Amino acid sequence: GGVAIAAHLGGFVSGILLVPLLKRKEVRFFQKGHSRAFARNTRRIR
C-alpha cells in the first residue's frame, strides 16, 4: 500500500520539477487559452 502512494507522490513531484526544464521558452506558465475549445460560448444548445 505504501509503495503505490510513494510512487504516485514521487511522480507528481518530479513532474512539477521537470516542467520548467522541458517547456518551450515562448510559453509562459500562466497564460489565457487561445483556442476556441476553451472559449466560453454564451449560446446554449437545446
Protein backbone atom coordinates (compact mmCIF):
# COMPACT_ATOMS: atom_id res chain seq x y z
CA GLY A 1 0.00 0.00 0.00
CA GLY A 2 2.70 2.48 0.94
CA VAL A 3 4.79 1.84 -2.16
CA ALA A 4 1.99 2.89 -4.50
CA ILE A 5 1.40 6.12 -2.61
CA ALA A 6 5.12 6.93 -2.58
CA ALA A 7 5.38 6.21 -6.31
CA HIS A 8 2.46 8.49 -7.15
CA LEU A 9 3.74 11.30 -4.95
CA GLY A 10 7.24 10.92 -6.39
CA GLY A 11 5.89 11.10 -9.94
CA PHE A 12 3.84 14.18 -9.10
CA VAL A 13 6.78 16.00 -7.52
CA SER A 14 9.19 15.05 -10.30
CA GLY A 15 6.66 16.26 -12.88
CA ILE A 16 6.42 19.63 -11.14
CA LEU A 17 10.20 19.92 -11.06
CA LEU A 18 10.65 18.94 -14.73
CA VAL A 19 8.04 21.30 -16.22
CA PRO A 20 10.28 24.43 -16.09
CA LEU A 21 13.14 22.48 -17.66
CA LEU A 22 11.15 20.92 -20.51
CA LYS A 23 8.68 23.65 -21.52
CA ARG A 24 9.28 25.83 -24.57
CA LYS A 25 10.71 29.27 -23.81
CA GLU A 26 7.91 31.13 -25.63
CA VAL A 27 5.23 29.52 -23.47
CA ARG A 28 4.52 31.35 -20.23
CA PHE A 29 3.42 29.43 -17.16
CA PHE A 30 0.13 31.23 -16.57
CA GLN A 31 -1.45 32.48 -19.76
CA LYS A 32 -5.01 32.51 -21.04
CA GLY A 33 -6.09 29.88 -23.53
CA HIS A 34 -6.06 30.94 -27.17
CA SER A 35 -8.04 28.16 -28.79
CA ARG A 36 -11.79 28.08 -29.36
CA ALA A 37 -12.05 24.82 -27.46
CA PHE A 38 -11.60 26.72 -24.21
CA ALA A 39 -13.58 29.81 -25.19
CA ARG A 40 -16.74 30.48 -23.26
CA ASN A 41 -19.79 30.25 -25.50
CA THR A 42 -22.83 32.23 -24.39
CA ARG A 43 -25.24 30.41 -26.73
CA ARG A 44 -26.97 27.40 -25.23
CA ILE A 45 -27.78 24.31 -27.24
CA ARG A 46 -31.25 22.91 -26.61
